[in-house]
N, C-alpha and C. Protein backbone atom coordinates (compact mmCIF):
# COMPACT_ATOMS: atom_id res chain seq x y z
N MET A 1 -29.74 -16.67 65.29
CA MET A 1 -29.13 -15.28 65.18
C MET A 1 -28.06 -15.94 64.69
N PRO A 2 -27.67 -15.76 63.44
CA PRO A 2 -26.20 -15.63 62.95
C PRO A 2 -25.29 -16.10 64.04
N ASP A 3 -24.46 -16.23 63.76
CA ASP A 3 -22.70 -14.82 64.33
C ASP A 3 -22.18 -14.47 64.20
N THR A 4 -22.28 -13.70 62.74
CA THR A 4 -22.31 -13.14 61.80
C THR A 4 -23.26 -11.68 62.49
N TYR A 5 -23.82 -11.81 63.41
CA TYR A 5 -24.62 -10.53 64.47
C TYR A 5 -24.39 -10.08 65.37
N LYS A 6 -23.76 -11.45 66.26
CA LYS A 6 -23.48 -11.55 67.46
C LYS A 6 -22.58 -10.53 68.28
N VAL A 7 -22.68 -9.49 69.62
CA VAL A 7 -21.93 -8.51 69.71
C VAL A 7 -21.54 -8.94 71.15
N GLU A 8 -20.73 -9.34 71.52
CA GLU A 8 -20.15 -10.40 73.42
C GLU A 8 -20.61 -9.12 74.27
N GLY A 9 -21.55 -9.24 74.95
CA GLY A 9 -21.72 -8.21 75.74
C GLY A 9 -22.77 -7.61 75.08
N ASN A 10 -23.70 -7.11 74.88
CA ASN A 10 -23.95 -6.23 73.61
C ASN A 10 -25.21 -6.66 73.31
N PRO A 11 -26.64 -7.72 73.19
CA PRO A 11 -27.35 -8.85 72.82
C PRO A 11 -28.87 -8.04 72.47
N VAL A 12 -28.67 -6.20 72.63
CA VAL A 12 -29.55 -5.33 72.32
C VAL A 12 -28.73 -4.95 70.55
N LEU A 13 -27.48 -4.85 70.51
CA LEU A 13 -27.54 -4.21 69.39
C LEU A 13 -27.03 -5.31 67.99
N ALA A 14 -26.46 -6.52 68.63
CA ALA A 14 -26.65 -7.82 68.34
C ALA A 14 -28.24 -8.09 67.67
N TYR A 15 -29.07 -7.84 68.25
CA TYR A 15 -30.71 -8.03 67.80
C TYR A 15 -30.76 -6.41 66.72
N ARG A 16 -29.99 -5.76 66.83
CA ARG A 16 -30.14 -4.38 65.74
C ARG A 16 -29.84 -4.77 64.80
N LYS A 17 -28.49 -5.43 64.65
CA LYS A 17 -27.53 -5.94 64.05
C LYS A 17 -28.84 -6.51 62.65
N PHE A 18 -29.05 -7.61 63.62
CA PHE A 18 -29.96 -9.04 62.77
C PHE A 18 -31.10 -8.61 62.33
N TYR A 19 -31.88 -7.92 62.99
CA TYR A 19 -33.08 -7.22 61.96
C TYR A 19 -32.84 -6.21 61.05
N ILE A 20 -32.16 -5.63 60.88
CA ILE A 20 -31.72 -3.97 60.43
C ILE A 20 -31.34 -4.95 58.78
N GLU A 21 -30.21 -6.83 58.93
CA GLU A 21 -30.20 -6.42 57.86
C GLU A 21 -31.33 -8.31 56.94
N GLU A 22 -31.50 -8.70 58.47
CA GLU A 22 -32.98 -9.75 57.97
C GLU A 22 -33.80 -9.50 57.63
N LYS A 23 -33.90 -8.45 58.28
CA LYS A 23 -35.83 -8.75 58.85
C LYS A 23 -36.56 -7.13 58.04
N MET A 24 -35.62 -5.92 57.65
CA MET A 24 -36.65 -4.63 57.58
C MET A 24 -36.29 -4.75 55.96
N HIS A 25 -36.83 -5.60 55.21
CA HIS A 25 -37.40 -6.65 53.91
C HIS A 25 -38.25 -6.24 54.04
N PHE A 26 -39.51 -6.61 55.12
CA PHE A 26 -41.00 -6.78 54.87
C PHE A 26 -41.72 -5.40 55.55
N ALA A 27 -40.48 -4.77 56.16
CA ALA A 27 -41.49 -3.61 56.61
C ALA A 27 -41.36 -2.09 56.10
N ARG A 28 -43.01 -1.95 55.73
CA ARG A 28 -43.06 -1.00 54.67
C ARG A 28 -44.19 0.07 55.62
N TRP A 29 -43.95 1.35 55.61
CA TRP A 29 -44.71 2.68 55.77
C TRP A 29 -45.31 3.04 54.77
N THR A 30 -46.78 2.63 54.59
CA THR A 30 -47.43 3.89 53.18
C THR A 30 -48.21 4.69 52.98
N LYS A 31 -48.09 4.78 54.96
CA LYS A 31 -49.43 6.66 54.71
C LYS A 31 -48.79 7.14 56.05
N ARG A 32 -47.76 6.81 56.18
CA ARG A 32 -46.87 7.36 57.07
C ARG A 32 -45.09 7.24 56.86
N ASP A 33 -44.76 8.23 57.60
CA ASP A 33 -43.44 8.64 57.44
C ASP A 33 -42.48 7.06 58.43
N GLU A 34 -41.39 6.14 58.56
CA GLU A 34 -40.94 5.95 58.93
C GLU A 34 -40.65 5.59 60.14
N PRO A 35 -41.02 5.32 61.41
CA PRO A 35 -40.70 5.10 62.76
C PRO A 35 -39.96 6.21 63.50
N TYR A 36 -39.38 6.69 64.16
CA TYR A 36 -38.46 7.80 64.45
C TYR A 36 -37.56 7.11 65.33
N GLY A 37 -38.12 5.22 65.74
CA GLY A 37 -37.42 4.62 66.62
C GLY A 37 -36.73 3.43 65.11
N VAL A 38 -37.17 3.37 64.05
CA VAL A 38 -36.86 2.99 62.94
C VAL A 38 -35.41 3.18 62.60
N LYS A 39 -35.58 4.65 62.43
CA LYS A 39 -34.78 5.65 61.97
C LYS A 39 -33.30 5.46 62.67
N GLU A 40 -33.55 5.76 64.08
CA GLU A 40 -33.07 5.64 65.38
C GLU A 40 -32.16 4.28 64.99
N MET A 41 -32.69 3.53 64.46
CA MET A 41 -32.04 2.10 65.03
C MET A 41 -30.68 1.90 63.94
N LYS A 42 -31.57 2.07 62.39
CA LYS A 42 -30.27 2.46 60.85
C LYS A 42 -29.63 3.18 61.60
N ASN A 43 -29.79 3.87 62.59
CA ASN A 43 -28.11 5.67 62.25
C ASN A 43 -27.40 4.31 63.37
N SER A 44 -27.80 3.95 64.44
CA SER A 44 -27.71 3.37 65.31
C SER A 44 -26.56 1.78 64.96
N TYR A 45 -26.69 1.73 63.67
CA TYR A 45 -26.29 -0.02 64.44
C TYR A 45 -25.23 1.07 62.29
N ASN A 46 -25.26 2.12 61.99
CA ASN A 46 -24.54 2.02 60.62
C ASN A 46 -23.71 3.02 61.40
N ASP A 47 -23.62 3.71 62.63
CA ASP A 47 -22.63 4.18 63.34
C ASP A 47 -21.39 3.26 63.95
N LYS A 48 -21.62 1.64 64.21
CA LYS A 48 -20.72 1.04 64.49
C LYS A 48 -19.65 0.31 63.67
């Protein structure tokens, strides 16, 4: 994980930031809405 995403003392938030910025481009939901957990993760990251 690049240092830009690391959060001292909070590896979960660091992983969320990394995943949203670097990995969400491949996630697609074609026959249903985006899962609640993904929406929550995005909102959590945007609030920080």
